[in-house]
């Protein structure tokens, strides 16, 4: 079996077309009395972390990411299969739309 964490370019086939494996982060911070639920998907951990940092600043007012928060973000990143063209994959300009 191929470990997709060791091979980020690994693709599997399915009856619905090729899937790629992306990284995903879901924010579980409390926001207005409930879980935030912000989600970002990107090709690399670094891209996910970049978007998570922007989200933390814009949505939760966190100006500096502490080592503890950075660790929590990294621990919550998981690998998910995505079909090519999936609109849920992060694009640089869309991060602002999700935080407003």
PDB file of N, CA and C in Angstrom:
ATOM      1  N   UNK A   1       0.844  -1.178   0.000  1.00  0.00           N
ATOM      2  CA  UNK A   1       0.000   0.000   0.000  1.00  0.00           C
ATOM      3  C   UNK A   1       0.889   1.241   0.000  1.00  0.00           C
ATOM      4  N   UNK A   2       0.489   2.261  -0.736  1.00  0.00           N
ATOM      5  CA  UNK A   2       1.239   3.505  -0.826  1.00  0.00           C
ATOM      6  C   UNK A   2       0.777   4.450   0.277  1.00  0.00           C
ATOM      7  N   UNK A   3       1.734   5.014   1.004  1.00  0.00           N
ATOM      8  CA  UNK A   3       1.419   5.997   2.031  1.00  0.00           C
ATOM      9  C   UNK A   3       1.391   7.366   1.358  1.00  0.00           C
ATOM     10  N   UNK A   4       0.205   7.976   1.234  1.00  0.00           N
ATOM     11  CA  UNK A   4       0.079   9.232   0.509  1.00  0.00           C
ATOM     12  C   UNK A   4       0.775  10.388   1.219  1.00  0.00           C
ATOM     13  N   UNK A   5       0.996  10.274   2.520  1.00  0.00           N
ATOM     14  CA  UNK A   5       1.735  11.335   3.211  1.00  0.00           C
ATOM     15  C   UNK A   5       3.192  11.360   2.748  1.00  0.00           C
ATOM     16  N   UNK A   6       3.740  10.209   2.373  1.00  0.00           N
ATOM     17  CA  UNK A   6       5.112  10.155   1.897  1.00  0.00           C
ATOM     18  C   UNK A   6       5.206  10.490   0.419  1.00  0.00           C
ATOM     19  N   UNK A   7       4.114  10.388  -0.318  1.00  0.00           N
ATOM     20  CA  UNK A   7       4.117  10.647  -1.754  1.00  0.00           C
ATOM     21  C   UNK A   7       2.940  11.558  -2.094  1.00  0.00           C
ATOM     22  N   UNK A   8       3.134  12.892  -2.002  1.00  0.00           N
ATOM     23  CA  UNK A   8       2.007  13.809  -2.231  1.00  0.00           C
ATOM     24  C   UNK A   8       1.489  13.800  -3.660  1.00  0.00           C
ATOM     25  N   UNK A   9       2.235  13.240  -4.604  1.00  0.00           N
ATOM     26  CA  UNK A   9       1.794  13.214  -5.997  1.00  0.00           C
ATOM     27  C   UNK A   9       1.034  11.934  -6.337  1.00  0.00           C
ATOM     28  N   UNK A  10       0.844  11.054  -5.359  1.00  0.00           N
ATOM     29  CA  UNK A  10       0.156   9.790  -5.593  1.00  0.00           C
ATOM     30  C   UNK A  10      -1.269  10.049  -6.053  1.00  0.00           C
ATOM     31  N   UNK A  11      -1.670   9.381  -7.104  1.00  0.00           N
ATOM     32  CA  UNK A  11      -3.050   9.473  -7.587  1.00  0.00           C
ATOM     33  C   UNK A  11      -3.635   8.070  -7.646  1.00  0.00           C
ATOM     34  N   UNK A  12      -4.860   7.940  -7.280  1.00  0.00           N
ATOM     35  CA  UNK A  12      -5.543   6.658  -7.406  1.00  0.00           C
ATOM     36  C   UNK A  12      -6.658   6.820  -8.423  1.00  0.00           C
ATOM     37  N   UNK A  13      -7.069   5.733  -8.991  1.00  0.00           N
ATOM     38  CA  UNK A  13      -8.176   5.837  -9.931  1.00  0.00           C
ATOM     39  C   UNK A  13      -9.448   5.356  -9.256  1.00  0.00           C
ATOM     40  N   UNK A  14     -10.551   5.880  -9.714  1.00  0.00           N
ATOM     41  CA  UNK A  14     -11.849   5.475  -9.205  1.00  0.00           C
ATOM     42  C   UNK A  14     -12.793   5.400 -10.390  1.00  0.00           C
ATOM     43  N   UNK A  15     -13.979   4.832 -10.221  1.00  0.00           N
ATOM     44  CA  UNK A  15     -14.926   4.777 -11.332  1.00  0.00           C
ATOM     45  C   UNK A  15     -15.337   6.163 -11.822  1.00  0.00           C
ATOM     46  N   UNK A  16     -15.115   7.194 -11.015  1.00  0.00           N
ATOM     47  CA  UNK A  16     -15.541   8.545 -11.356  1.00  0.00           C
ATOM     48  C   UNK A  16     -14.400   9.404 -11.886  1.00  0.00           C
ATOM     49  N   UNK A  17     -13.250   8.829 -12.155  1.00  0.00           N
ATOM     50  CA  UNK A  17     -12.105   9.591 -12.641  1.00  0.00           C
ATOM     51  C   UNK A  17     -10.984   9.600 -11.620  1.00  0.00           C
ATOM     52  N   UNK A  18      -9.854  10.113 -12.029  1.00  0.00           N
ATOM     53  CA  UNK A  18      -8.680  10.139 -11.159  1.00  0.00           C
ATOM     54  C   UNK A  18      -8.910  11.066  -9.968  1.00  0.00           C
ATOM     55  N   UNK A  19      -8.375  10.673  -8.837  1.00  0.00           N
ATOM     56  CA  UNK A  19      -8.433  11.494  -7.642  1.00  0.00           C
ATOM     57  C   UNK A  19      -7.009  11.889  -7.270  1.00  0.00           C
ATOM     58  N   UNK A  20      -6.869  13.070  -6.736  1.00  0.00           N
ATOM     59  CA  UNK A  20      -5.600  13.515  -6.190  1.00  0.00           C
ATOM     60  C   UNK A  20      -5.774  13.606  -4.683  1.00  0.00           C
ATOM     61  N   UNK A  21      -4.676  13.546  -3.978  1.00  0.00           N
ATOM     62  CA  UNK A  21      -4.754  13.669  -2.526  1.00  0.00           C
ATOM     63  C   UNK A  21      -4.273  15.045  -2.108  1.00  0.00           C
ATOM     64  N   UNK A  22      -5.150  15.742  -1.412  1.00  0.00           N
ATOM     65  CA  UNK A  22      -4.878  17.082  -0.926  1.00  0.00           C
ATOM     66  C   UNK A  22      -4.801  17.071   0.586  1.00  0.00           C
ATOM     67  N   UNK A  23      -4.312  18.157   1.137  1.00  0.00           N
ATOM     68  CA  UNK A  23      -4.282  18.343   2.582  1.00  0.00           C
ATOM     69  C   UNK A  23      -5.502  19.187   2.959  1.00  0.00           C
ATOM     70  N   UNK A  24      -6.078  18.898   4.124  1.00  0.00           N
ATOM     71  CA  UNK A  24      -7.272  19.606   4.573  1.00  0.00           C
ATOM     72  C   UNK A  24      -7.113  20.020   6.034  1.00  0.00           C
ATOM     73  N   UNK A  25      -7.577  21.231   6.335  1.00  0.00           N
ATOM     74  CA  UNK A  25      -7.613  21.724   7.716  1.00  0.00           C
ATOM     75  C   UNK A  25      -9.006  22.266   7.979  1.00  0.00           C
ATOM     76  N   UNK A  26      -9.575  21.903   9.123  1.00  0.00           N
ATOM     77  CA  UNK A  26     -10.867  22.436   9.555  1.00  0.00           C
ATOM     78  C   UNK A  26     -10.659  23.126  10.898  1.00  0.00           C
ATOM     79  N   UNK A  27     -11.050  24.401  10.967  1.00  0.00           N
ATOM     80  CA  UNK A  27     -10.897  25.180  12.194  1.00  0.00           C
ATOM     81  C   UNK A  27     -11.960  24.747  13.210  1.00  0.00           C
ATOM     82  N   UNK A  28     -11.508  24.410  14.400  1.00  0.00           N
ATOM     83  CA  UNK A  28     -12.436  23.993  15.451  1.00  0.00           C
ATOM     84  C   UNK A  28     -12.519  25.007  16.586  1.00  0.00           C
ATOM     85  N   UNK A  29     -12.020  26.230  16.327  1.00  0.00           N
ATOM     86  CA  UNK A  29     -12.095  27.287  17.344  1.00  0.00           C
ATOM     87  C   UNK A  29     -13.560  27.655  17.593  1.00  0.00           C
ATOM     88  N   UNK A  30     -13.836  28.079  18.807  1.00  0.00           N
ATOM     89  CA  UNK A  30     -15.176  28.568  19.133  1.00  0.00           C
ATOM     90  C   UNK A  30     -15.348  29.952  18.519  1.00  0.00           C
ATOM     91  N   UNK A  31     -16.472  30.172  17.871  1.00  0.00           N
ATOM     92  CA  UNK A  31     -16.752  31.461  17.247  1.00  0.00           C
ATOM     93  C   UNK A  31     -18.235  31.737  17.403  1.00  0.00           C
ATOM     94  N   UNK A  32     -18.571  32.789  18.126  1.00  0.00           N
ATOM     95  CA  UNK A  32     -19.960  33.163  18.390  1.00  0.00           C
ATOM     96  C   UNK A  32     -20.776  32.005  18.964  1.00  0.00           C
ATOM     97  N   UNK A  33     -20.162  31.280  19.904  1.00  0.00           N
ATOM     98  CA  UNK A  33     -20.859  30.217  20.612  1.00  0.00           C
ATOM     99  C   UNK A  33     -20.901  28.870  19.936  1.00  0.00           C
ATOM    100  N   UNK A  34     -20.298  28.747  18.762  1.00  0.00           N
ATOM    101  CA  UNK A  34     -20.270  27.440  18.109  1.00  0.00           C
ATOM    102  C   UNK A  34     -18.937  27.243  17.388  1.00  0.00           C
ATOM    103  N   UNK A  35     -18.693  26.019  16.975  1.00  0.00           N
ATOM    104  CA  UNK A  35     -17.455  25.705  16.277  1.00  0.00           C
ATOM    105  C   UNK A  35     -17.387  26.460  14.957  1.00  0.00           C
ATOM    106  N   UNK A  36     -16.245  27.046  14.662  1.00  0.00           N
ATOM    107  CA  UNK A  36     -16.061  27.868  13.463  1.00  0.00           C
ATOM    108  C   UNK A  36     -16.367  27.079  12.189  1.00  0.00           C
ATOM    109  N   UNK A  37     -15.675  25.972  11.958  1.00  0.00           N
ATOM    110  CA  UNK A  37     -15.947  25.132  10.800  1.00  0.00           C
ATOM    111  C   UNK A  37     -15.266  25.556   9.509  1.00  0.00           C
ATOM    112  N   UNK A  38     -14.444  26.626   9.523  1.00  0.00           N
ATOM    113  CA  UNK A  38     -13.701  27.024   8.323  1.00  0.00           C
ATOM    114  C   UNK A  38     -12.883  25.834   7.830  1.00  0.00           C
ATOM    115  N   UNK A  39     -12.890  25.616   6.514  1.00  0.00           N
ATOM    116  CA  UNK A  39     -12.134  24.508   5.942  1.00  0.00           C
ATOM    117  C   UNK A  39     -11.310  25.006   4.769  1.00  0.00           C
ATOM    118  N   UNK A  40     -10.090  24.505   4.673  1.00  0.00           N
ATOM    119  CA  UNK A  40      -9.247  24.800   3.519  1.00  0.00           C
ATOM    120  C   UNK A  40      -8.595  23.503   3.056  1.00  0.00           C
ATOM    121  N   UNK A  41      -8.500  23.371   1.740  1.00  0.00           N
ATOM    122  CA  UNK A  41      -7.808  22.233   1.125  1.00  0.00           C
ATOM    123  C   UNK A  41      -6.790  22.783   0.142  1.00  0.00           C
ATOM    124  N   UNK A  42      -5.605  22.195   0.146  1.00  0.00           N
ATOM    125  CA  UNK A  42      -4.547  22.623  -0.759  1.00  0.00           C
ATOM    126  C   UNK A  42      -3.602  21.448  -1.008  1.00  0.00           C
ATOM    127  N   UNK A  43      -2.703  21.619  -1.977  1.00  0.00           N
ATOM    128  CA  UNK A  43      -1.781  20.548  -2.368  1.00  0.00           C
ATOM    129  C   UNK A  43      -0.749  20.222  -1.299  1.00  0.00           C
ATOM    130  N   UNK A  44      -0.273  21.241  -0.574  1.00  0.00           N
ATOM    131  CA  UNK A  44       0.812  21.012   0.389  1.00  0.00           C
ATOM    132  C   UNK A  44       0.417  21.475   1.786  1.00  0.00           C
ATOM    133  N   UNK A  45       1.108  20.936   2.777  1.00  0.00           N
ATOM    134  CA  UNK A  45       0.899  21.383   4.156  1.00  0.00           C
ATOM    135  C   UNK A  45       1.191  22.874   4.286  1.00  0.00           C
ATOM    136  N   UNK A  46       2.260  23.343   3.628  1.00  0.00           N
ATOM    137  CA  UNK A  46       2.628  24.764   3.719  1.00  0.00           C
ATOM    138  C   UNK A  46       1.515  25.673   3.211  1.00  0.00           C
ATOM    139  N   UNK A  47       0.859  25.294   2.111  1.00  0.00           N
ATOM    140  CA  UNK A  47      -0.251  26.095   1.586  1.00  0.00           C
ATOM    141  C   UNK A  47      -1.423  26.110   2.563  1.00  0.00           C
ATOM    142  N   UNK A  48      -1.723  24.959   3.146  1.00  0.00           N
ATOM    143  CA  UNK A  48      -2.816  24.881   4.118  1.00  0.00           C
ATOM    144  C   UNK A  48      -2.507  25.758   5.320  1.00  0.00           C
ATOM    145  N   UNK A  49      -1.275  25.683   5.814  1.00  0.00           N
ATOM    146  CA  UNK A  49      -0.869  26.484   6.971  1.00  0.00           C
ATOM    147  C   UNK A  49      -0.962  27.972   6.654  1.00  0.00           C
ATOM    148  N   UNK A  50      -0.543  28.372   5.458  1.00  0.00           N
ATOM    149  CA  UNK A  50      -0.636  29.779   5.052  1.00  0.00           C
ATOM    150  C   UNK A  50      -2.085  30.267   5.097  1.00  0.00           C
ATOM    151  N   UNK A  51      -3.000  29.487   4.547  1.00  0.00           N
ATOM    152  CA  UNK A  51      -4.420  29.868   4.553  1.00  0.00           C
ATOM    153  C   UNK A  51      -4.988  29.839   5.972  1.00  0.00           C
ATOM    154  N   UNK A  52      -4.573  28.864   6.777  1.00  0.00           N
ATOM    155  CA  UNK A  52      -5.042  28.784   8.164  1.00  0.00           C
ATOM    156  C   UNK A  52      -4.580  30.009   8.953  1.00  0.00           C
ATOM    157  N   UNK A  53      -3.348  30.464   8.712  1.00  0.00           N
ATOM    158  CA  UNK A  53      -2.850  31.668   9.390  1.00  0.00           C
ATOM    159  C   UNK A  53      -3.682  32.885   9.011  1.00  0.00           C
ATOM    160  N   UNK A  54      -3.966  33.044   7.710  1.00  0.00           N
ATOM    161  CA  UNK A  54      -4.785  34.176   7.271  1.00  0.00           C
ATOM    162  C   UNK A  54      -6.169  34.103   7.899  1.00  0.00           C
ATOM    163  N   UNK A  55      -6.739  32.913   7.953  1.00  0.00           N
ATOM    164  CA  UNK A  55      -8.059  32.738   8.565  1.00  0.00           C
ATOM    165  C   UNK A  55      -8.034  33.111  10.040  1.00  0.00           C
ATOM    166  N   UNK A  56      -7.017  32.647  10.764  1.00  0.00           N
ATOM    167  CA  UNK A  56      -6.931  32.947  12.198  1.00  0.00           C
ATOM    168  C   UNK A  56      -6.885  34.455  12.438  1.00  0.00           C
ATOM    169  N   UNK A  57      -6.149  35.162  11.598  1.00  0.00           N
ATOM    170  CA  UNK A  57      -6.047  36.613  11.758  1.00  0.00           C
ATOM    171  C   UNK A  57      -7.361  37.302  11.405  1.00  0.00           C
ATOM    172  N   UNK A  58      -7.939  36.939  10.267  1.00  0.00           N
ATOM    173  CA  UNK A  58      -9.133  37.645   9.783  1.00  0.00           C
ATOM    174  C   UNK A  58     -10.405  37.276  10.545  1.00  0.00           C
ATOM    175  N   UNK A  59     -10.576  36.022  10.882  1.00  0.00           N
ATOM    176  CA  UNK A  59     -11.822  35.584  11.514  1.00  0.00           C
ATOM    177  C   UNK A  59     -11.770  35.614  13.037  1.00  0.00           C
ATOM    178  N   UNK A  60     -10.576  35.376  13.599  1.00  0.00           N
ATOM    179  CA  UNK A  60     -10.473  35.254  15.057  1.00  0.00           C
ATOM    180  C   UNK A  60      -9.595  36.324  15.698  1.00  0.00           C
ATOM    181  N   UNK A  61      -9.034  37.241  14.883  1.00  0.00           N
ATOM    182  CA  UNK A  61      -8.240  38.345  15.423  1.00  0.00           C
ATOM    183  C   UNK A  61      -6.882  37.952  15.966  1.00  0.00           C
ATOM    184  N   UNK A  62      -6.380  36.781  15.595  1.00  0.00           N
ATOM    185  CA  UNK A  62      -5.068  36.324  16.066  1.00  0.00           C
ATOM    186  C   UNK A  62      -4.003  36.970  15.189  1.00  0.00           C
ATOM    187  N   UNK A  63      -3.227  37.885  15.771  1.00  0.00           N
ATOM    188  CA  UNK A  63      -2.217  38.616  14.994  1.00  0.00           C
ATOM    189  C   UNK A  63      -0.923  37.811  14.839  1.00  0.00           C
ATOM    190  N   UNK A  64      -0.536  37.096  15.881  1.00  0.00           N
ATOM    191  CA  UNK A  64       0.671  36.270  15.820  1.00  0.00           C
ATOM    192  C   UNK A  64       0.301  34.835  16.156  1.00  0.00           C
ATOM    193  N   UNK A  65       0.828  33.926  15.360  1.00  0.00           N
ATOM    194  CA  UNK A  65       0.559  32.506  15.587  1.00  0.00           C
ATOM    195  C   UNK A  65       1.597  31.969  16.564  1.00  0.00           C
ATOM    196  N   UNK A  66       1.146  31.543  17.730  1.00  0.00           N
ATOM    197  CA  UNK A  66       2.055  30.995  18.742  1.00  0.00           C
ATOM    198  C   UNK A  66       2.535  29.612  18.310  1.00  0.00           C
ATOM    199  N   UNK A  67       3.658  29.153  18.861  1.00  0.00           N
ATOM    200  CA  UNK A  67       4.121  27.795  18.546  1.00  0.00           C
ATOM    201  C   UNK A  67       3.071  26.738  18.877  1.00  0.00           C
ATOM    202  N   UNK A  68       2.303  26.957  19.957  1.00  0.00           N
ATOM    203  CA  UNK A  68       1.257  26.006  20.338  1.00  0.00           C
ATOM    204  C   UNK A  68       0.144  25.956  19.287  1.00  0.00           C
ATOM    205  N   UNK A  69      -0.280  27.135  18.794  1.00  0.00           N
ATOM    206  CA  UNK A  69      -1.320  27.170  17.765  1.00  0.00           C
ATOM    207  C   UNK A  69      -0.808  26.571  16.454  1.00  0.00           C
ATOM    208  N   UNK A  70       0.427  26.873  16.116  1.00  0.00           N
ATOM    209  CA  UNK A  70       1.036  26.289  14.910  1.00  0.00           C
ATOM    210  C   UNK A  70       1.030  24.760  14.987  1.00  0.00           C
ATOM    211  N   UNK A  71       1.365  24.240  16.159  1.00  0.00           N
ATOM    212  CA  UNK A  71       1.371  22.787  16.368  1.00  0.00           C
ATOM    213  C   UNK A  71      -0.034  22.212  16.210  1.00  0.00           C
ATOM    214  N   UNK A  72      -1.045  22.894  16.785  1.00  0.00           N
ATOM    215  CA  UNK A  72      -2.431  22.428  16.670  1.00  0.00           C
ATOM    216  C   UNK A  72      -2.886  22.395  15.211  1.00  0.00           C
ATOM    217  N   UNK A  73      -2.519  23.433  14.455  1.00  0.00           N
ATOM    218  CA  UNK A  73      -2.886  23.482  13.037  1.00  0.00           C
ATOM    219  C   UNK A  73      -2.266  22.295  12.310  1.00  0.00           C
ATOM    220  N   UNK A  74      -0.979  22.073  12.515  1.00  0.00           N
ATOM    221  CA  UNK A  74      -0.281  20.968  11.844  1.00  0.00           C
ATOM    222  C   UNK A  74      -0.873  19.611  12.210  1.00  0.00           C
ATOM    223  N   UNK A  75      -1.251  19.440  13.483  1.00  0.00           N
ATOM    224  CA  UNK A  75      -1.831  18.168  13.933  1.00  0.00           C
ATOM    225  C   UNK A  75      -3.197  17.902  13.308  1.00  0.00           C
ATOM    226  N   UNK A  76      -3.911  18.965  12.930  1.00  0.00           N
ATOM    227  CA  UNK A  76      -5.266  18.817  12.383  1.00  0.00           C
ATOM    228  C   UNK A  76      -5.292  18.680  10.859  1.00  0.00           C
ATOM    229  N   UNK A  77      -4.139  18.762  10.222  1.00  0.00           N
ATOM    230  CA  UNK A  77      -4.101  18.590   8.769  1.00  0.00           C
ATOM    231  C   UNK A  77      -4.217  17.106   8.453  1.00  0.00           C
ATOM    232  N   UNK A  78      -5.152  16.777   7.560  1.00  0.00           N
ATOM    233  CA  UNK A  78      -5.293  15.387   7.145  1.00  0.00           C
ATOM    234  C   UNK A  78      -5.303  15.312   5.623  1.00  0.00           C
ATOM    235  N   UNK A  79      -5.037  14.135   5.102  1.00  0.00           N
ATOM    236  CA  UNK A  79      -5.010  13.912   3.660  1.00  0.00           C
ATOM    237  C   UNK A  79      -6.389  13.442   3.218  1.00  0.00           C
ATOM    238  N   UNK A  80      -6.925  14.076   2.164  1.00  0.00           N
ATOM    239  CA  UNK A  80      -8.246  13.720   1.647  1.00  0.00           C
ATOM    240  C   UNK A  80      -8.182  13.574   0.129  1.00  0.00           C
ATOM    241  N   UNK A  81      -8.968  12.657  -0.451  1.00  0.00           N
ATOM    242  CA  UNK A  81      -9.012  12.522  -1.911  1.00  0.00           C
ATOM    243  C   UNK A  81      -9.897  13.606  -2.520  1.00  0.00           C
ATOM    244  N   UNK A  82      -9.427  14.186  -3.598  1.00  0.00           N
ATOM    245  CA  UNK A  82     -10.157  15.252  -4.301  1.00  0.00           C
ATOM    246  C   UNK A  82     -10.155  14.938  -5.788  1.00  0.00           C
ATOM    247  N   UNK A  83     -11.293  15.106  -6.416  1.00  0.00           N
ATOM    248  CA  UNK A  83     -11.372  14.943  -7.865  1.00  0.00           C
ATOM    249  C   UNK A  83     -10.882  16.215  -8.544  1.00  0.00           C
ATOM    250  N   UNK A  84     -10.210  16.103  -9.674  1.00  0.00           N
ATOM    251  CA  UNK A  84      -9.747  17.305 -10.391  1.00  0.00           C
ATOM    252  C   UNK A  84     -10.900  18.265 -10.651  1.00  0.00           C
ATOM    253  N   UNK A  85     -10.646  19.559 -10.434  1.00  0.00           N
ATOM    254  CA  UNK A  85     -11.666  20.573 -10.653  1.00  0.00           C
ATOM    255  C   UNK A  85     -12.576  20.825  -9.462  1.00  0.00           C
ATOM    256  N   UNK A  86     -12.366  20.112  -8.349  1.00  0.00           N
ATOM    257  CA  UNK A  86     -13.205  20.297  -7.170  1.00  0.00           C
ATOM    258  C   UNK A  86     -13.101  21.750  -6.700  1.00  0.00           C
ATOM    259  N   UNK A  87     -14.217  22.421  -6.542  1.00  0.00           N
ATOM    260  CA  UNK A  87     -14.227  23.836  -6.180  1.00  0.00           C
ATOM    261  C   UNK A  87     -13.845  24.079  -4.727  1.00  0.00           C
ATOM    262  N   UNK A  88     -13.729  23.018  -3.930  1.00  0.00           N
ATOM    263  CA  UNK A  88     -13.396  23.192  -2.517  1.00  0.00           C
ATOM    264  C   UNK A  88     -11.896  23.312  -2.267  1.00  0.00           C
ATOM    265  N   UNK A  89     -11.095  23.281  -3.333  1.00  0.00           N
ATOM    266  CA  UNK A  89      -9.649  23.408  -3.195  1.00  0.00           C
ATOM    267  C   UNK A  89      -9.293  24.886  -3.139  1.00  0.00           C
ATOM    268  N   UNK A  90      -8.396  25.251  -2.217  1.00  0.00           N
ATOM    269  CA  UNK A  90      -8.047  26.655  -1.987  1.00  0.00           C
ATOM    270  C   UNK A  90      -7.412  27.297  -3.207  1.00  0.00           C
ATOM    271  N   UNK A  91      -7.821  28.518  -3.435  1.00  0.00           N
ATOM    272  CA  UNK A  91      -7.200  29.377  -4.434  1.00  0.00           C
ATOM    273  C   UNK A  91      -6.831  30.656  -3.699  1.00  0.00           C
ATOM    274  N   UNK A  92      -5.738  31.264  -4.046  1.00  0.00           N
ATOM    275  CA  UNK A  92      -5.240  32.428  -3.303  1.00  0.00           C
ATOM    276  C   UNK A  92      -6.313  33.486  -3.067  1.00  0.00           C
ATOM    277  N   UNK A  93      -7.121  33.827  -4.082  1.00  0.00           N
ATOM    278  CA  UNK A  93      -8.094  34.895  -3.889  1.00  0.00           C
ATOM    279  C   UNK A  93      -9.323  34.457  -3.090  1.00  0.00           C
ATOM    280  N   UNK A  94      -9.643  33.159  -3.070  1.00  0.00           N
ATOM    281  CA  UNK A  94     -10.869  32.709  -2.403  1.00  0.00           C
ATOM    282  C   UNK A  94     -10.773  32.718  -0.889  1.00  0.00           C
ATOM    283  N   UNK A  95      -9.571  32.733  -0.334  1.00  0.00           N
ATOM    284  CA  UNK A  95      -9.441  32.719   1.116  1.00  0.00           C
ATOM    285  C   UNK A  95     -10.098  33.955   1.729  1.00  0.00           C
ATOM    286  N   UNK A  96     -10.019  35.095   1.063  1.00  0.00           N
ATOM    287  CA  UNK A  96     -10.632  36.307   1.595  1.00  0.00           C
ATOM    288  C   UNK A  96     -12.144  36.201   1.602  1.00  0.00           C
ATOM    289  N   UNK A  97     -12.696  35.571   0.594  1.00  0.00           N
ATOM    290  CA  UNK A  97     -14.141  35.410   0.515  1.00  0.00           C
ATOM    291  C   UNK A  97     -14.667  34.564   1.667  1.00  0.00           C
ATOM    292  N   UNK A  98     -13.900  33.572   2.111  1.00  0.00           N
ATOM    293  CA  UNK A  98     -14.376  32.660   3.151  1.00  0.00           C
ATOM    294  C   UNK A  98     -14.271  33.261   4.546  1.00  0.00           C
ATOM    295  N   UNK A  99     -13.510  34.340   4.687  1.00  0.00           N
ATOM    296  CA  UNK A  99     -13.287  34.914   6.025  1.00  0.00           C
ATOM    297  C   UNK A  99     -14.167  36.129   6.310  1.00  0.00           C
ATOM    298  N   UNK A 100     -14.940  36.561   5.339  1.00  0.00           N
ATOM    299  CA  UNK A 100     -15.745  37.778   5.532  1.00  0.00           C
ATOM    300  C   UNK A 100     -17.096  37.429   6.108  1.00  0.00           C
TER     301      UNK A 100
END
